[in-house]
Amino acid sequence: MTGRSTQPRLICDEMLKRLGHWLRAAGYDVLIASPGESDRSLYQKAVGEARLLITRDRKLAEYRDAGRYVCILHANRMPELVRELSVRLGIDWHYRPFSRCLVCNTPLVEATPAQYDSLPQDVRDSVTHAQFCPRCGQLFWEGSHIRRMRATLDNFSKKIWEFAE
């Protein structure tokens, strides 16, 4: 899964939503299950949208063609889940970092001057650009939170399965 042309479209079930957010941070197209969404609904969405469903739920292996649409992880803790998924799918943690909205998964666009001007003054004084989500209206900029997330993605790329502080 290295390279930039044919990256998978993914779905993370509810218990792997944190993993899904990290995959979004890396730039992957990742849907995250709604609270209480059924296995059947997730599987149908995976098939209908040609996505790979990432789960720990072994019952999903019983669906017809599950091997094509379901990736069952065995690890329990986040660092081990990140490692297992990285090994199994060849995840490129530097695929397209911070190119998708971390809230709704929509590709981000460069903020307009008016949107940039709406940032707090201290942010405008410390960053040169911001990104905007055209779907949910979120503004993103390279603050300390994003820098820590970027350091974590760097760790994952180096096969260091630790979260940056």
C-alpha atoms as a PDB file:
ATOM      1  CA  MET A   1       0.000   0.000   0.000  1.00  0.00           C
ATOM      2  CA  THR A   2       2.862   2.338  -0.620  1.00  0.00           C
ATOM      3  CA  GLY A   3       2.593   4.825  -3.420  1.00  0.00           C
ATOM      4  CA  ARG A   4      -0.081   7.402  -3.942  1.00  0.00           C
ATOM      5  CA  SER A   5      -2.376   6.080  -6.628  1.00  0.00           C
ATOM      6  CA  THR A   6      -4.676   3.354  -5.340  1.00  0.00           C
ATOM      7  CA  GLN A   7      -5.116   3.844  -1.617  1.00  0.00           C
ATOM      8  CA  PRO A   8      -8.022   1.938  -0.095  1.00  0.00           C
ATOM      9  CA  ARG A   9     -11.198   3.527   1.078  1.00  0.00           C
ATOM     10  CA  LEU A  10     -11.862   2.355   4.609  1.00  0.00           C
ATOM     11  CA  ILE A  11     -14.529   2.078   7.297  1.00  0.00           C
ATOM     12  CA  CYS A  12     -13.670   1.698  10.974  1.00  0.00           C
ATOM     13  CA  ASP A  13     -16.288   0.263  13.249  1.00  0.00           C
ATOM     14  CA  GLU A  14     -17.261   2.037  16.446  1.00  0.00           C
ATOM     15  CA  MET A  15     -14.664   0.321  18.624  1.00  0.00           C
ATOM     16  CA  LEU A  16     -11.856   1.383  16.245  1.00  0.00           C
ATOM     17  CA  LYS A  17     -12.884   5.014  15.808  1.00  0.00           C
ATOM     18  CA  ARG A  18      -9.620   6.280  17.329  1.00  0.00           C
ATOM     19  CA  LEU A  19      -7.666   4.245  14.758  1.00  0.00           C
ATOM     20  CA  GLY A  20      -9.950   5.727  12.088  1.00  0.00           C
ATOM     21  CA  HIS A  21      -9.076   9.251  13.194  1.00  0.00           C
ATOM     22  CA  TRP A  22      -5.345   8.478  12.896  1.00  0.00           C
ATOM     23  CA  LEU A  23      -5.896   7.064   9.414  1.00  0.00           C
ATOM     24  CA  ARG A  24      -7.753  10.268   8.476  1.00  0.00           C
ATOM     25  CA  ALA A  25      -4.867  12.310   9.870  1.00  0.00           C
ATOM     26  CA  ALA A  26      -2.583  10.365   7.515  1.00  0.00           C
ATOM     27  CA  GLY A  27      -4.881  11.322   4.617  1.00  0.00           C
ATOM     28  CA  TYR A  28      -6.930   8.167   4.090  1.00  0.00           C
ATOM     29  CA  ASP A  29     -10.611   8.256   3.127  1.00  0.00           C
ATOM     30  CA  VAL A  30     -12.081   6.709   6.294  1.00  0.00           C
ATOM     31  CA  LEU A  31     -15.694   6.520   7.363  1.00  0.00           C
ATOM     32  CA  ILE A  32     -16.205   5.972  11.079  1.00  0.00           C
ATOM     33  CA  ALA A  33     -19.264   4.046  12.225  1.00  0.00           C
ATOM     34  CA  SER A  34     -22.014   5.942  13.973  1.00  0.00           C
ATOM     35  CA  PRO A  35     -22.705   4.907  17.565  1.00  0.00           C
ATOM     36  CA  GLY A  36     -24.825   1.750  17.540  1.00  0.00           C
ATOM     37  CA  GLU A  37     -24.569   1.211  13.766  1.00  0.00           C
ATOM     38  CA  SER A  38     -25.246  -2.445  13.008  1.00  0.00           C
ATOM     39  CA  ASP A  39     -22.733  -4.920  11.601  1.00  0.00           C
ATOM     40  CA  ARG A  40     -25.073  -5.509   8.650  1.00  0.00           C
ATOM     41  CA  SER A  41     -25.219  -1.786   7.856  1.00  0.00           C
ATOM     42  CA  LEU A  42     -21.421  -1.458   8.034  1.00  0.00           C
ATOM     43  CA  TYR A  43     -20.901  -4.506   5.844  1.00  0.00           C
ATOM     44  CA  GLN A  44     -23.446  -3.293   3.279  1.00  0.00           C
ATOM     45  CA  LYS A  45     -21.764   0.115   3.221  1.00  0.00           C
ATOM     46  CA  ALA A  46     -18.365  -1.549   2.687  1.00  0.00           C
ATOM     47  CA  VAL A  47     -19.689  -3.585  -0.225  1.00  0.00           C
ATOM     48  CA  GLY A  48     -21.775  -0.761  -1.727  1.00  0.00           C
ATOM     49  CA  GLU A  49     -18.966   1.803  -1.554  1.00  0.00           C
ATOM     50  CA  ALA A  50     -16.054  -0.589  -2.266  1.00  0.00           C
ATOM     51  CA  ARG A  51     -14.500   0.045   1.145  1.00  0.00           C
ATOM     52  CA  LEU A  52     -12.558  -2.200   3.486  1.00  0.00           C
ATOM     53  CA  LEU A  53     -14.213  -2.542   6.890  1.00  0.00           C
ATOM     54  CA  ILE A  54     -11.641  -2.508   9.717  1.00  0.00           C
ATOM     55  CA  THR A  55     -12.949  -4.247  12.834  1.00  0.00           C
ATOM     56  CA  ARG A  56     -12.131  -6.486  15.773  1.00  0.00           C
ATOM     57  CA  ASP A  57     -15.552  -8.165  15.511  1.00  0.00           C
ATOM     58  CA  ARG A  58     -14.916 -11.739  14.390  1.00  0.00           C
ATOM     59  CA  LYS A  59     -18.622 -12.258  13.590  1.00  0.00           C
ATOM     60  CA  LEU A  60     -18.140 -10.114  10.490  1.00  0.00           C
ATOM     61  CA  ALA A  61     -15.986 -12.876   9.008  1.00  0.00           C
ATOM     62  CA  GLU A  62     -19.185 -14.891   8.551  1.00  0.00           C
ATOM     63  CA  TYR A  63     -20.542 -12.598   5.825  1.00  0.00           C
ATOM     64  CA  ARG A  64     -20.296 -13.786   2.250  1.00  0.00           C
ATOM     65  CA  ASP A  65     -17.189 -12.303   0.565  1.00  0.00           C
ATOM     66  CA  ALA A  66     -16.002 -11.074   3.971  1.00  0.00           C
ATOM     67  CA  GLY A  67     -12.384 -11.721   2.993  1.00  0.00           C
ATOM     68  CA  ARG A  68     -12.775  -9.110   0.284  1.00  0.00           C
ATOM     69  CA  TYR A  69     -14.446  -6.410   2.399  1.00  0.00           C
ATOM     70  CA  VAL A  70     -13.470  -7.068   6.025  1.00  0.00           C
ATOM     71  CA  CYS A  71     -10.111  -6.789   7.796  1.00  0.00           C
ATOM     72  CA  ILE A  72     -10.304  -8.270  11.286  1.00  0.00           C
ATOM     73  CA  LEU A  73      -7.634  -7.033  13.672  1.00  0.00           C
ATOM     74  CA  HIS A  74      -6.592  -9.104  16.677  1.00  0.00           C
ATOM     75  CA  ALA A  75      -4.711  -6.577  18.807  1.00  0.00           C
ATOM     76  CA  ASN A  76      -6.383  -4.883  21.767  1.00  0.00           C
ATOM     77  CA  ARG A  77      -4.421  -1.676  22.456  1.00  0.00           C
ATOM     78  CA  MET A  78      -3.901   1.251  20.097  1.00  0.00           C
ATOM     79  CA  PRO A  79      -0.140   0.890  19.546  1.00  0.00           C
ATOM     80  CA  GLU A  80      -0.582  -2.790  18.672  1.00  0.00           C
ATOM     81  CA  LEU A  81      -3.607  -2.041  16.466  1.00  0.00           C
ATOM     82  CA  VAL A  82      -1.570   0.570  14.560  1.00  0.00           C
ATOM     83  CA  ARG A  83       1.297  -1.901  14.144  1.00  0.00           C
ATOM     84  CA  GLU A  84      -0.978  -4.755  13.037  1.00  0.00           C
ATOM     85  CA  LEU A  85      -2.842  -2.626  10.501  1.00  0.00           C
ATOM     86  CA  SER A  86       0.423  -1.140   9.207  1.00  0.00           C
ATOM     87  CA  VAL A  87       1.886  -4.591   8.630  1.00  0.00           C
ATOM     88  CA  ARG A  88      -1.269  -6.114   7.131  1.00  0.00           C
ATOM     89  CA  LEU A  89      -2.175  -3.256   4.789  1.00  0.00           C
ATOM     90  CA  GLY A  90       1.178  -1.538   4.307  1.00  0.00           C
ATOM     91  CA  ILE A  91      -0.204   1.754   5.598  1.00  0.00           C
ATOM     92  CA  ASP A  92       1.796   4.800   4.526  1.00  0.00           C
ATOM     93  CA  TRP A  93       1.455   7.146   7.511  1.00  0.00           C
ATOM     94  CA  HIS A  94       2.797   9.981   5.344  1.00  0.00           C
ATOM     95  CA  TYR A  95       0.280   9.342   2.548  1.00  0.00           C
ATOM     96  CA  ARG A  96      -1.353  12.819   2.519  1.00  0.00           C
ATOM     97  CA  PRO A  97      -1.164  14.085   6.096  1.00  0.00           C
ATOM     98  CA  PHE A  98      -3.840  16.521   7.230  1.00  0.00           C
ATOM     99  CA  SER A  99      -5.529  16.656   3.841  1.00  0.00           C
ATOM    100  CA  ARG A 100      -8.925  15.475   5.176  1.00  0.00           C
ATOM    101  CA  CYS A 101     -11.232  16.885   7.789  1.00  0.00           C
ATOM    102  CA  LEU A 102     -10.625  15.030  11.042  1.00  0.00           C
ATOM    103  CA  VAL A 103     -14.296  15.550  11.946  1.00  0.00           C
ATOM    104  CA  CYS A 104     -16.201  14.527   8.791  1.00  0.00           C
ATOM    105  CA  ASN A 105     -13.593  13.054   6.379  1.00  0.00           C
ATOM    106  CA  THR A 106     -14.113  15.646   3.608  1.00  0.00           C
ATOM    107  CA  PRO A 107     -11.018  16.727   1.633  1.00  0.00           C
ATOM    108  CA  LEU A 108      -9.777  20.085   2.940  1.00  0.00           C
ATOM    109  CA  VAL A 109      -9.253  23.196   0.845  1.00  0.00           C
ATOM    110  CA  GLU A 110      -7.043  26.200   1.443  1.00  0.00           C
ATOM    111  CA  ALA A 111      -8.821  28.756   3.634  1.00  0.00           C
ATOM    112  CA  THR A 112      -9.840  31.966   1.926  1.00  0.00           C
ATOM    113  CA  PRO A 113      -8.368  35.235   3.199  1.00  0.00           C
ATOM    114  CA  ALA A 114     -11.674  35.980   4.988  1.00  0.00           C
ATOM    115  CA  GLN A 115     -11.652  32.560   6.684  1.00  0.00           C
ATOM    116  CA  TYR A 116      -8.014  33.008   7.644  1.00  0.00           C
ATOM    117  CA  ASP A 117      -8.849  36.436   9.091  1.00  0.00           C
ATOM    118  CA  SER A 118     -11.492  34.812  11.310  1.00  0.00           C
ATOM    119  CA  LEU A 119      -8.781  32.921  13.211  1.00  0.00           C
ATOM    120  CA  PRO A 120      -7.782  34.285  16.626  1.00  0.00           C
ATOM    121  CA  GLN A 121      -5.093  36.975  16.351  1.00  0.00           C
ATOM    122  CA  ASP A 122      -2.423  34.874  18.124  1.00  0.00           C
ATOM    123  CA  VAL A 123      -2.997  32.067  15.602  1.00  0.00           C
ATOM    124  CA  ARG A 124      -2.769  34.479  12.640  1.00  0.00           C
ATOM    125  CA  ASP A 125       0.490  35.775  14.119  1.00  0.00           C
ATOM    126  CA  SER A 126       2.002  32.286  14.288  1.00  0.00           C
ATOM    127  CA  VAL A 127       0.811  30.475  11.128  1.00  0.00           C
ATOM    128  CA  THR A 128       1.009  31.339   7.461  1.00  0.00           C
ATOM    129  CA  HIS A 129      -1.994  29.398   6.187  1.00  0.00           C
ATOM    130  CA  ALA A 130      -5.048  27.461   7.277  1.00  0.00           C
ATOM    131  CA  GLN A 131      -7.267  24.824   5.723  1.00  0.00           C
ATOM    132  CA  PHE A 132     -11.050  24.753   5.624  1.00  0.00           C
ATOM    133  CA  CYS A 133     -13.601  21.946   5.456  1.00  0.00           C
ATOM    134  CA  PRO A 134     -16.253  22.884   2.895  1.00  0.00           C
ATOM    135  CA  ARG A 135     -18.714  20.402   4.436  1.00  0.00           C
ATOM    136  CA  CYS A 136     -18.657  21.091   8.182  1.00  0.00           C
ATOM    137  CA  GLY A 137     -16.965  24.497   8.221  1.00  0.00           C
ATOM    138  CA  GLN A 138     -14.033  23.548  10.479  1.00  0.00           C
ATOM    139  CA  LEU A 139     -10.806  25.532  10.172  1.00  0.00           C
ATOM    140  CA  PHE A 140      -7.486  23.750  10.697  1.00  0.00           C
ATOM    141  CA  TRP A 141      -3.999  25.185  11.177  1.00  0.00           C
ATOM    142  CA  GLU A 142      -0.569  23.922  12.198  1.00  0.00           C
ATOM    143  CA  GLY A 143      -0.804  24.458  15.951  1.00  0.00           C
ATOM    144  CA  SER A 144       0.744  22.433  18.749  1.00  0.00           C
ATOM    145  CA  HIS A 145      -1.958  19.739  18.509  1.00  0.00           C
ATOM    146  CA  ILE A 146      -1.254  19.133  14.810  1.00  0.00           C
ATOM    147  CA  ARG A 147       2.521  19.206  15.457  1.00  0.00           C
ATOM    148  CA  ARG A 148       2.112  16.445  18.082  1.00  0.00           C
ATOM    149  CA  MET A 149      -0.075  14.457  15.700  1.00  0.00           C
ATOM    150  CA  ARG A 150       2.506  14.918  12.924  1.00  0.00           C
ATOM    151  CA  ALA A 151       5.222  13.627  15.303  1.00  0.00           C
ATOM    152  CA  THR A 152       3.059  10.568  16.020  1.00  0.00           C
ATOM    153  CA  LEU A 153       2.614   9.926  12.271  1.00  0.00           C
ATOM    154  CA  ASP A 154       6.415  10.240  11.944  1.00  0.00           C
ATOM    155  CA  ASN A 155       6.811   7.620  14.695  1.00  0.00           C
ATOM    156  CA  PHE A 156       4.400   5.268  12.929  1.00  0.00           C
ATOM    157  CA  SER A 157       6.281   5.723   9.644  1.00  0.00           C
ATOM    158  CA  LYS A 158       9.497   4.731  11.418  1.00  0.00           C
ATOM    159  CA  LYS A 159       7.755   1.673  12.893  1.00  0.00           C
ATOM    160  CA  ILE A 160       7.836   3.218  16.347  1.00  0.00           C
ATOM    161  CA  TRP A 161       4.369   2.408  17.656  1.00  0.00           C
ATOM    162  CA  GLU A 162       4.248   5.217  20.228  1.00  0.00           C
ATOM    163  CA  PHE A 163       2.193   8.369  20.450  1.00  0.00           C
ATOM    164  CA  ALA A 164       4.168  11.622  20.613  1.00  0.00           C
ATOM    165  CA  GLU A 165       3.725  13.724  23.708  1.00  0.00           C
END
